Structures are given as structure tokens and as C-alpha cells.
PDB file of N, CA and C in Angstrom:
ATOM      1  N   MET A   1      84.076  84.281  26.556  1.00  0.00           N
ATOM      2  CA  MET A   1      83.433  85.233  26.065  1.00  0.00           C
ATOM      3  C   MET A   1      82.155  84.966  24.805  1.00  0.00           C
ATOM      4  N   THR A   2      80.816  84.467  24.992  1.00  0.00           N
ATOM      5  CA  THR A   2      80.420  84.596  23.994  1.00  0.00           C
ATOM      6  C   THR A   2      79.053  85.586  23.631  1.00  0.00           C
ATOM      7  N   LEU A   3      79.533  86.387  22.402  1.00  0.00           N
ATOM      8  CA  LEU A   3      78.286  86.854  21.396  1.00  0.00           C
ATOM      9  C   LEU A   3      77.653  86.679  20.809  1.00  0.00           C
ATOM     10  N   ASN A   4      76.678  87.395  21.129  1.00  0.00           N
ATOM     11  CA  ASN A   4      74.879  86.374  20.756  1.00  0.00           C
ATOM     12  C   ASN A   4      74.793  87.774  19.498  1.00  0.00           C
ATOM     13  N   PRO A   5      74.571  87.036  18.354  1.00  0.00           N
ATOM     14  CA  PRO A   5      73.858  88.046  16.935  1.00  0.00           C
ATOM     15  C   PRO A   5      72.903  88.841  17.811  1.00  0.00           C
ATOM     16  N   PRO A   6      73.022  90.487  17.185  1.00  0.00           N
ATOM     17  CA  PRO A   6      71.703  90.491  17.517  1.00  0.00           C
ATOM     18  C   PRO A   6      70.320  90.403  17.155  1.00  0.00           C
ATOM     19  N   PHE A   7      69.991  89.416  16.093  1.00  0.00           N
ATOM     20  CA  PHE A   7      69.019  89.173  15.227  1.00  0.00           C
ATOM     21  C   PHE A   7      69.040  87.552  15.549  1.00  0.00           C
ATOM     22  N   ALA A   8      68.396  87.101  16.087  1.00  0.00           N
ATOM     23  CA  ALA A   8      67.616  85.352  16.308  1.00  0.00           C
ATOM     24  C   ALA A   8      67.030  85.249  14.638  1.00  0.00           C
ATOM     25  N   VAL A   9      67.340  84.141  14.194  1.00  0.00           N
ATOM     26  CA  VAL A   9      66.821  83.449  12.552  1.00  0.00           C
ATOM     27  C   VAL A   9      65.929  82.986  13.384  1.00  0.00           C
ATOM     28  N   ALA A  10      65.236  83.021  12.325  1.00  0.00           N
ATOM     29  CA  ALA A  10      63.647  82.232  12.342  1.00  0.00           C
ATOM     30  C   ALA A  10      63.367  80.849  11.341  1.00  0.00           C
ATOM     31  N   PRO A  11      63.754  80.175  11.883  1.00  0.00           N
ATOM     32  CA  PRO A  11      63.712  78.600  11.201  1.00  0.00           C
ATOM     33  C   PRO A  11      62.008  79.005  10.265  1.00  0.00           C
ATOM     34  N   HIS A  12      62.514  77.630   9.426  1.00  0.00           N
ATOM     35  CA  HIS A  12      61.706  77.969   8.450  1.00  0.00           C
ATOM     36  C   HIS A  12      60.229  77.836   8.472  1.00  0.00           C
ATOM     37  N   LEU A  13      59.345  78.463   7.373  1.00  0.00           N
ATOM     38  CA  LEU A  13      57.625  78.290   7.795  1.00  0.00           C
ATOM     39  C   LEU A  13      57.393  77.223   6.781  1.00  0.00           C
ATOM     40  N   PRO A  14      56.172  76.148   7.412  1.00  0.00           N
ATOM     41  CA  PRO A  14      55.996  75.575   6.427  1.00  0.00           C
ATOM     42  C   PRO A  14      54.393  76.428   6.124  1.00  0.00           C
ATOM     43  N   LEU A  15      54.322  76.596   4.843  1.00  0.00           N
ATOM     44  CA  LEU A  15      52.795  77.361   3.953  1.00  0.00           C
ATOM     45  C   LEU A  15      52.100  76.747   4.394  1.00  0.00           C
ATOM     46  N   GLY A  16      51.535  76.059   4.849  1.00  0.00           N
ATOM     47  CA  GLY A  16      50.289  75.735   5.164  1.00  0.00           C
ATOM     48  C   GLY A  16      50.367  76.140   6.978  1.00  0.00           C
ATOM     49  N   LEU A  17      51.651  76.250   7.665  1.00  0.00           N
ATOM     50  CA  LEU A  17      50.639  77.749   8.443  1.00  0.00           C
ATOM     51  C   LEU A  17      50.701  78.433   8.342  1.00  0.00           C
ATOM     52  N   ALA A  18      51.087  79.194   7.405  1.00  0.00           N
ATOM     53  CA  ALA A  18      51.207  80.599   7.283  1.00  0.00           C
ATOM     54  C   ALA A  18      50.132  81.382   7.335  1.00  0.00           C
ATOM     55  N   PRO A  19      49.238  82.218   7.356  1.00  0.00           N
ATOM     56  CA  PRO A  19      48.182  82.916   7.668  1.00  0.00           C
ATOM     57  C   PRO A  19      47.818  83.745   6.242  1.00  0.00           C
ATOM     58  N   LYS A  20      46.969  84.094   5.611  1.00  0.00           N
ATOM     59  CA  LYS A  20      46.496  84.946   4.523  1.00  0.00           C
ATOM     60  C   LYS A  20      47.441  85.822   4.771  1.00  0.00           C
ATOM     61  N   GLY A  21      47.716  86.389   3.270  1.00  0.00           N
ATOM     62  CA  GLY A  21      48.456  87.801   2.846  1.00  0.00           C
ATOM     63  C   GLY A  21      49.716  87.217   3.062  1.00  0.00           C
ATOM     64  N   PHE A  22      50.247  86.110   3.812  1.00  0.00           N
ATOM     65  CA  PHE A  22      51.486  85.446   3.641  1.00  0.00           C
ATOM     66  C   PHE A  22      52.576  85.080   2.163  1.00  0.00           C
ATOM     67  N   LEU A  23      53.405  85.896   2.502  1.00  0.00           N
ATOM     68  CA  LEU A  23      53.835  86.839   1.586  1.00  0.00           C
ATOM     69  C   LEU A  23      56.046  85.944   1.264  1.00  0.00           C
ATOM     70  N   GLY A  24      56.497  85.687   0.602  1.00  0.00           N
ATOM     71  CA  GLY A  24      57.566  84.846   1.578  1.00  0.00           C
ATOM     72  C   GLY A  24      58.167  84.315   0.042  1.00  0.00           C
ATOM     73  N   ARG A  25      59.531  83.527   0.457  1.00  0.00           N
ATOM     74  CA  ARG A  25      60.240  82.471  -1.130  1.00  0.00           C
ATOM     75  C   ARG A  25      60.275  80.712  -0.119  1.00  0.00           C
ATOM     76  N   ILE A  26      60.253  80.419  -1.113  1.00  0.00           N
ATOM     77  CA  ILE A  26      60.574  78.911  -0.933  1.00  0.00           C
ATOM     78  C   ILE A  26      61.967  79.183  -1.019  1.00  0.00           C
ATOM     79  N   HIS A  27      62.359  77.947   0.613  1.00  0.00           N
ATOM     80  CA  HIS A  27      63.177  77.255   1.049  1.00  0.00           C
ATOM     81  C   HIS A  27      63.673  76.161   0.295  1.00  0.00           C
ATOM     82  N   SER A  28      62.843  75.184   0.635  1.00  0.00           N
ATOM     83  CA  SER A  28      62.983  73.336  -0.208  1.00  0.00           C
ATOM     84  C   SER A  28      61.647  72.437  -0.234  1.00  0.00           C
ATOM     85  N   ILE A  29      61.241  71.784  -0.632  1.00  0.00           N
ATOM     86  CA  ILE A  29      60.507  71.164  -0.382  1.00  0.00           C
ATOM     87  C   ILE A  29      60.619  69.458   0.180  1.00  0.00           C
ATOM     88  N   CYS A  30      59.634  69.277   1.411  1.00  0.00           N
ATOM     89  CA  CYS A  30      60.429  68.321   2.818  1.00  0.00           C
ATOM     90  C   CYS A  30      59.223  67.545   2.788  1.00  0.00           C
ATOM     91  N   VAL A  31      58.691  66.760   2.180  1.00  0.00           N
ATOM     92  CA  VAL A  31      57.617  65.710   1.377  1.00  0.00           C
ATOM     93  C   VAL A  31      57.726  64.830   2.620  1.00  0.00           C
ATOM     94  N   GLN A  32      56.858  64.421   3.299  1.00  0.00           N
ATOM     95  CA  GLN A  32      56.616  63.329   4.532  1.00  0.00           C
ATOM     96  C   GLN A  32      55.693  62.071   4.018  1.00  0.00           C
ATOM     97  N   ASP A  33      56.067  60.716   4.306  1.00  0.00           N
ATOM     98  CA  ASP A  33      54.927  59.676   3.758  1.00  0.00           C
ATOM     99  C   ASP A  33      53.846  60.683   3.930  1.00  0.00           C
ATOM    100  N   SER A  34      53.332  60.821   4.208  1.00  0.00           N
ATOM    101  CA  SER A  34      52.262  60.306   5.652  1.00  0.00           C
ATOM    102  C   SER A  34      51.552  61.722   5.372  1.00  0.00           C
ATOM    103  N   GLN A  35      51.812  62.841   4.391  1.00  0.00           N
ATOM    104  CA  GLN A  35      51.460  63.944   3.939  1.00  0.00           C
ATOM    105  C   GLN A  35      50.255  63.776   2.982  1.00  0.00           C
ATOM    106  N   GLY A  36      49.699  62.579   2.166  1.00  0.00           N
ATOM    107  CA  GLY A  36      48.354  63.103   1.307  1.00  0.00           C
ATOM    108  C   GLY A  36      49.036  61.681   0.473  1.00  0.00           C
ATOM    109  N   GLN A  37      47.707  61.419  -0.228  1.00  0.00           N
ATOM    110  CA  GLN A  37      47.336  60.200  -0.585  1.00  0.00           C
ATOM    111  C   GLN A  37      48.570  59.215  -1.340  1.00  0.00           C
ATOM    112  N   LEU A  38      49.446  60.319  -2.622  1.00  0.00           N
ATOM    113  CA  LEU A  38      50.452  59.867  -2.779  1.00  0.00           C
ATOM    114  C   LEU A  38      51.686  59.770  -2.593  1.00  0.00           C
ATOM    115  N   PRO A  39      52.443  59.087  -2.650  1.00  0.00           N
ATOM    116  CA  PRO A  39      54.255  58.575  -2.258  1.00  0.00           C
ATOM    117  C   PRO A  39      54.571  59.586  -2.099  1.00  0.00           C
ATOM    118  N   ALA A  40      55.514  60.441  -1.102  1.00  0.00           N
ATOM    119  CA  ALA A  40      56.448  61.225  -1.006  1.00  0.00           C
ATOM    120  C   ALA A  40      56.829  62.097  -2.886  1.00  0.00           C
ATOM    121  N   ALA A  41      57.713  60.604  -3.054  1.00  0.00           N
ATOM    122  CA  ALA A  41      58.413  61.548  -4.246  1.00  0.00           C
ATOM    123  C   ALA A  41      57.415  61.816  -5.798  1.00  0.00           C
ATOM    124  N   GLU A  42      56.595  61.625  -5.605  1.00  0.00           N
ATOM    125  CA  GLU A  42      55.457  61.503  -6.870  1.00  0.00           C
ATOM    126  C   GLU A  42      55.034  63.228  -5.941  1.00  0.00           C
ATOM    127  N   MET A  43      54.238  63.299  -4.917  1.00  0.00           N
ATOM    128  CA  MET A  43      53.644  64.022  -4.258  1.00  0.00           C
ATOM    129  C   MET A  43      55.103  65.335  -4.127  1.00  0.00           C
ATOM    130  N   GLU A  44      56.371  65.310  -4.520  1.00  0.00           N
ATOM    131  CA  GLU A  44      57.606  66.430  -4.741  1.00  0.00           C
ATOM    132  C   GLU A  44      57.030  66.779  -6.036  1.00  0.00           C
ATOM    133  N   ARG A  45      57.075  65.627  -6.771  1.00  0.00           N
ATOM    134  CA  ARG A  45      57.516  65.796  -7.818  1.00  0.00           C
ATOM    135  C   ARG A  45      56.235  66.990  -8.982  1.00  0.00           C
ATOM    136  N   ARG A  46      55.322  66.354  -8.135  1.00  0.00           N
ATOM    137  CA  ARG A  46      54.087  67.284  -8.627  1.00  0.00           C
ATOM    138  C   ARG A  46      54.108  69.050  -8.503  1.00  0.00           C
ATOM    139  N   LEU A  47      54.527  68.683  -7.186  1.00  0.00           N
ATOM    140  CA  LEU A  47      55.291  69.963  -5.934  1.00  0.00           C
ATOM    141  C   LEU A  47      55.722  71.201  -7.038  1.00  0.00           C
ATOM    142  N   ILE A  48      57.073  70.554  -7.629  1.00  0.00           N
ATOM    143  CA  ILE A  48      57.827  70.825  -8.372  1.00  0.00           C
ATOM    144  C   ILE A  48      57.282  71.000  -9.892  1.00  0.00           C
ATOM    145  N   GLU A  49      56.640  71.160 -10.875  1.00  0.00           N
ATOM    146  CA  GLU A  49      55.663  70.694 -11.671  1.00  0.00           C
ATOM    147  C   GLU A  49      54.666  72.505 -11.254  1.00  0.00           C
ATOM    148  N   LEU A  50      53.885  72.466 -10.542  1.00  0.00           N
ATOM    149  CA  LEU A  50      53.525  72.955 -10.098  1.00  0.00           C
ATOM    150  C   LEU A  50      54.183  74.830 -10.246  1.00  0.00           C
ATOM    151  N   GLY A  51      55.666  74.636 -10.033  1.00  0.00           N
ATOM    152  CA  GLY A  51      56.675  75.956  -9.855  1.00  0.00           C
ATOM    153  C   GLY A  51      57.232  76.399  -8.386  1.00  0.00           C
ATOM    154  N   PHE A  52      56.408  75.139  -7.421  1.00  0.00           N
ATOM    155  CA  PHE A  52      57.230  75.672  -6.297  1.00  0.00           C
ATOM    156  C   PHE A  52      58.619  75.223  -6.182  1.00  0.00           C
ATOM    157  N   ILE A  53      59.581  75.965  -6.357  1.00  0.00           N
ATOM    158  CA  ILE A  53      61.150  75.981  -6.844  1.00  0.00           C
ATOM    159  C   ILE A  53      61.805  76.864  -5.858  1.00  0.00           C
ATOM    160  N   GLU A  54      62.769  76.176  -5.224  1.00  0.00           N
ATOM    161  CA  GLU A  54      63.566  76.884  -4.553  1.00  0.00           C
ATOM    162  C   GLU A  54      63.798  78.304  -4.473  1.00  0.00           C
ATOM    163  N   GLY A  55      64.072  79.572  -4.117  1.00  0.00           N
ATOM    164  CA  GLY A  55      63.543  80.960  -4.226  1.00  0.00           C
ATOM    165  C   GLY A  55      63.135  81.441  -4.958  1.00  0.00           C
ATOM    166  N   ALA A  56      61.379  81.012  -5.385  1.00  0.00           N
ATOM    167  CA  ALA A  56      60.300  81.041  -5.658  1.00  0.00           C
ATOM    168  C   ALA A  56      60.091  81.667  -4.999  1.00  0.00           C
ATOM    169  N   GLN A  57      59.268  83.328  -5.292  1.00  0.00           N
ATOM    170  CA  GLN A  57      58.396  84.597  -4.259  1.00  0.00           C
ATOM    171  C   GLN A  57      56.859  83.616  -4.314  1.00  0.00           C
ATOM    172  N   VAL A  58      56.308  83.482  -3.443  1.00  0.00           N
ATOM    173  CA  VAL A  58      54.989  82.803  -3.099  1.00  0.00           C
ATOM    174  C   VAL A  58      54.194  83.617  -1.971  1.00  0.00           C
ATOM    175  N   GLN A  59      52.562  83.684  -2.331  1.00  0.00           N
ATOM    176  CA  GLN A  59      51.929  84.260  -1.222  1.00  0.00           C
ATOM    177  C   GLN A  59      50.427  83.558  -0.954  1.00  0.00           C
ATOM    178  N   ILE A  60      50.343  83.865   0.225  1.00  0.00           N
ATOM    179  CA  ILE A  60      48.502  83.600  -0.184  1.00  0.00           C
ATOM    180  C   ILE A  60      47.420  83.816  -0.213  1.00  0.00           C
ATOM    181  N   LEU A  61      46.319  83.672  -1.091  1.00  0.00           N
ATOM    182  CA  LEU A  61      46.070  84.739  -1.827  1.00  0.00           C
ATOM    183  C   LEU A  61      45.034  84.294  -0.685  1.00  0.00           C
ATOM    184  N   HIS A  62      43.965  83.339  -0.474  1.00  0.00           N
ATOM    185  CA  HIS A  62      42.769  83.233   0.158  1.00  0.00           C
ATOM    186  C   HIS A  62      42.793  81.869   0.852  1.00  0.00           C
ATOM    187  N   GLU A  63      41.845  82.460   1.192  1.00  0.00           N
ATOM    188  CA  GLU A  63      42.087  80.825   2.336  1.00  0.00           C
ATOM    189  C   GLU A  63      39.755  79.781   2.323  1.00  0.00           C
ATOM    190  N   GLY A  64      40.152  78.614   2.352  1.00  0.00           N
ATOM    191  CA  GLY A  64      38.430  78.832   2.666  1.00  0.00           C
ATOM    192  C   GLY A  64      37.679  78.921   4.143  1.00  0.00           C
ATOM    193  N   LEU A  65      36.902  78.623   3.711  1.00  0.00           N
ATOM    194  CA  LEU A  65      35.823  79.065   5.278  1.00  0.00           C
ATOM    195  C   LEU A  65      36.129  78.194   6.075  1.00  0.00           C
ATOM    196  N   PHE A  66      35.143  76.861   6.020  1.00  0.00           N
ATOM    197  CA  PHE A  66      36.347  75.291   6.655  1.00  0.00           C
ATOM    198  C   PHE A  66      37.570  75.176   7.197  1.00  0.00           C
ATOM    199  N   GLY A  67      37.523  75.491   7.574  1.00  0.00           N
ATOM    200  CA  GLY A  67      39.327  74.725   7.931  1.00  0.00           C
ATOM    201  C   GLY A  67      40.326  75.490   7.829  1.00  0.00           C
ATOM    202  N   ARG A  68      39.881  76.849   6.929  1.00  0.00           N
ATOM    203  CA  ARG A  68      40.829  77.132   5.663  1.00  0.00           C
ATOM    204  C   ARG A  68      41.099  76.780   5.103  1.00  0.00           C
ATOM    205  N   ASP A  69      40.533  75.513   4.303  1.00  0.00           N
ATOM    206  CA  ASP A  69      41.209  75.007   2.887  1.00  0.00           C
ATOM    207  C   ASP A  69      40.457  74.730   2.251  1.00  0.00           C
ATOM    208  N   PRO A  70      40.348  74.436   1.159  1.00  0.00           N
ATOM    209  CA  PRO A  70      42.115  75.147   0.562  1.00  0.00           C
ATOM    210  C   PRO A  70      42.794  76.405   0.535  1.00  0.00           C
ATOM    211  N   ILE A  71      43.699  76.523   0.227  1.00  0.00           N
ATOM    212  CA  ILE A  71      44.283  77.579   0.183  1.00  0.00           C
ATOM    213  C   ILE A  71      45.153  77.775  -1.212  1.00  0.00           C
ATOM    214  N   ALA A  72      44.436  79.130  -2.221  1.00  0.00           N
ATOM    215  CA  ALA A  72      44.697  79.979  -3.084  1.00  0.00           C
ATOM    216  C   ALA A  72      45.990  80.178  -2.696  1.00  0.00           C
ATOM    217  N   VAL A  73      46.970  80.054  -3.897  1.00  0.00           N
ATOM    218  CA  VAL A  73      48.340  80.635  -3.604  1.00  0.00           C
ATOM    219  C   VAL A  73      49.282  81.162  -4.714  1.00  0.00           C
ATOM    220  N   ARG A  74      49.939  82.155  -4.754  1.00  0.00           N
ATOM    221  CA  ARG A  74      50.363  82.836  -6.036  1.00  0.00           C
ATOM    222  C   ARG A  74      51.844  82.159  -5.999  1.00  0.00           C
ATOM    223  N   ILE A  75      51.729  81.861  -7.551  1.00  0.00           N
ATOM    224  CA  ILE A  75      53.403  81.798  -7.121  1.00  0.00           C
ATOM    225  C   ILE A  75      54.098  81.748  -9.157  1.00  0.00           C
ATOM    226  N   ASN A  76      55.504  82.452  -9.177  1.00  0.00           N
ATOM    227  CA  ASN A  76      55.817  82.586 -10.307  1.00  0.00           C
ATOM    228  C   ASN A  76      54.377  83.082 -11.780  1.00  0.00           C
ATOM    229  N   GLY A  77      53.431  83.451 -10.711  1.00  0.00           N
ATOM    230  CA  GLY A  77      52.467  84.568 -11.379  1.00  0.00           C
ATOM    231  C   GLY A  77      51.234  83.674 -11.798  1.00  0.00           C
ATOM    232  N   ALA A  78      51.185  82.567 -11.890  1.00  0.00           N
ATOM    233  CA  ALA A  78      49.796  81.620 -11.725  1.00  0.00           C
ATOM    234  C   ALA A  78      49.616  81.209 -10.512  1.00  0.00           C
ATOM    235  N   THR A  79      47.913  80.896 -10.059  1.00  0.00           N
ATOM    236  CA  THR A  79      47.800  80.808  -9.440  1.00  0.00           C
ATOM    237  C   THR A  79      46.881  79.164  -9.345  1.00  0.00           C
ATOM    238  N   VAL A  80      46.980  78.924  -7.655  1.00  0.00           N
ATOM    239  CA  VAL A  80      46.954  77.518  -7.524  1.00  0.00           C
ATOM    240  C   VAL A  80      46.572  76.825  -6.218  1.00  0.00           C
ATOM    241  N   ALA A  81      45.717  76.102  -6.499  1.00  0.00           N
ATOM    242  CA  ALA A  81      45.113  75.890  -4.790  1.00  0.00           C
ATOM    243  C   ALA A  81      45.683  74.091  -4.101  1.00  0.00           C
ATOM    244  N   LEU A  82      45.955  74.923  -2.908  1.00  0.00           N
ATOM    245  CA  LEU A  82      46.509  73.117  -2.409  1.00  0.00           C
ATOM    246  C   LEU A  82      45.598  73.278  -0.642  1.00  0.00           C
ATOM    247  N   ARG A  83      45.897  72.238  -0.960  1.00  0.00           N
ATOM    248  CA  ARG A  83      45.256  71.550   0.757  1.00  0.00           C
ATOM    249  C   ARG A  83      46.198  71.810   2.077  1.00  0.00           C
ATOM    250  N   ARG A  84      45.889  71.886   3.055  1.00  0.00           N
ATOM    251  CA  ARG A  84      47.160  73.156   3.563  1.00  0.00           C
ATOM    252  C   ARG A  84      47.870  71.784   4.189  1.00  0.00           C
ATOM    253  N   ARG A  85      47.549  70.256   4.227  1.00  0.00           N
ATOM    254  CA  ARG A  85      48.703  68.839   4.492  1.00  0.00           C
ATOM    255  C   ARG A  85      49.563  68.959   3.192  1.00  0.00           C
ATOM    256  N   GLU A  86      48.933  69.705   1.657  1.00  0.00           N
ATOM    257  CA  GLU A  86      50.000  69.365   1.240  1.00  0.00           C
ATOM    258  C   GLU A  86      51.176  70.289   0.806  1.00  0.00           C
ATOM    259  N   ALA A  87      50.477  71.461   1.128  1.00  0.00           N
ATOM    260  CA  ALA A  87      51.775  72.638   1.930  1.00  0.00           C
ATOM    261  C   ALA A  87      52.336  72.717   2.374  1.00  0.00           C
ATOM    262  N   MET A  88      52.679  71.871   3.792  1.00  0.00           N
ATOM    263  CA  MET A  88      52.833  71.556   4.580  1.00  0.00           C
ATOM    264  C   MET A  88      53.811  70.663   4.511  1.00  0.00           C
ATOM    265  N   ALA A  89      54.296  70.390   3.370  1.00  0.00           N
ATOM    266  CA  ALA A  89      55.677  70.154   2.691  1.00  0.00           C
ATOM    267  C   ALA A  89      56.277  70.901   1.811  1.00  0.00           C
ATOM    268  N   ILE A  90      55.976  72.187   1.903  1.00  0.00           N
ATOM    269  CA  ILE A  90      57.023  73.413   1.606  1.00  0.00           C
ATOM    270  C   ILE A  90      57.699  74.058   2.184  1.00  0.00           C
ATOM    271  N   LEU A  91      58.227  74.855   2.390  1.00  0.00           N
ATOM    272  CA  LEU A  91      59.363  74.918   3.141  1.00  0.00           C
ATOM    273  C   LEU A  91      59.696  76.003   3.316  1.00  0.00           C
ATOM    274  N   THR A  92      59.245  78.134   3.810  1.00  0.00           N
ATOM    275  CA  THR A  92      59.332  79.540   3.085  1.00  0.00           C
ATOM    276  C   THR A  92      60.296  79.860   4.218  1.00  0.00           C
ATOM    277  N   GLU A  93      60.731  81.063   4.409  1.00  0.00           N
ATOM    278  CA  GLU A  93      61.224  82.104   4.523  1.00  0.00           C
ATOM    279  C   GLU A  93      61.154  83.087   4.655  1.00  0.00           C
TER     280      GLU A  93
END
């Protein structure tokens, strides 16, 4: 007999797909080489320097009018602007 849990575990949501008003925590950073003009290691380093570290609370405050890009994100009490393609590397829960 197989027992199913009473809840479903949601997959981690890339911050780049989250809507305005989203509030969550950083799970991890997973940069793909095709996500920007910088090498993956450099992009990951820059995101960490901006405060996108595991467990940090993140909130999307604003999004641009055209294509919803860029987004304004509150992280560790600071407001940071990111392109959605950069925010795709930030996995949240």
C-alpha cells in the first residue's frame, strides 16, 4: 500500500517567472552559460555580492512596462534592479 502525503511539494520557482508582489526565500543560484553576456561563474559571483544568498528573503516590488523587464527586487533591505533573464538563475521557495 502506498501512502500519498497530504500536500504536494512545489518545485523551486525561478525569480524571473515570479509576478509583481512575490515574496519568498532564496533556495539557490543556478546560472546557465546562456543566461547572459557574462560567464556563469562571474554572474553567480555578482548575484551573491548583491545579497542573493541561500535563505535571504526576496520580494518583487516593481516590473517594467515593456515585457515586464527590468524588475525591482528587495533583498536584505536593499532595492536592486535585475533583468528577468538574470533573475531566472535565482531559484526561490
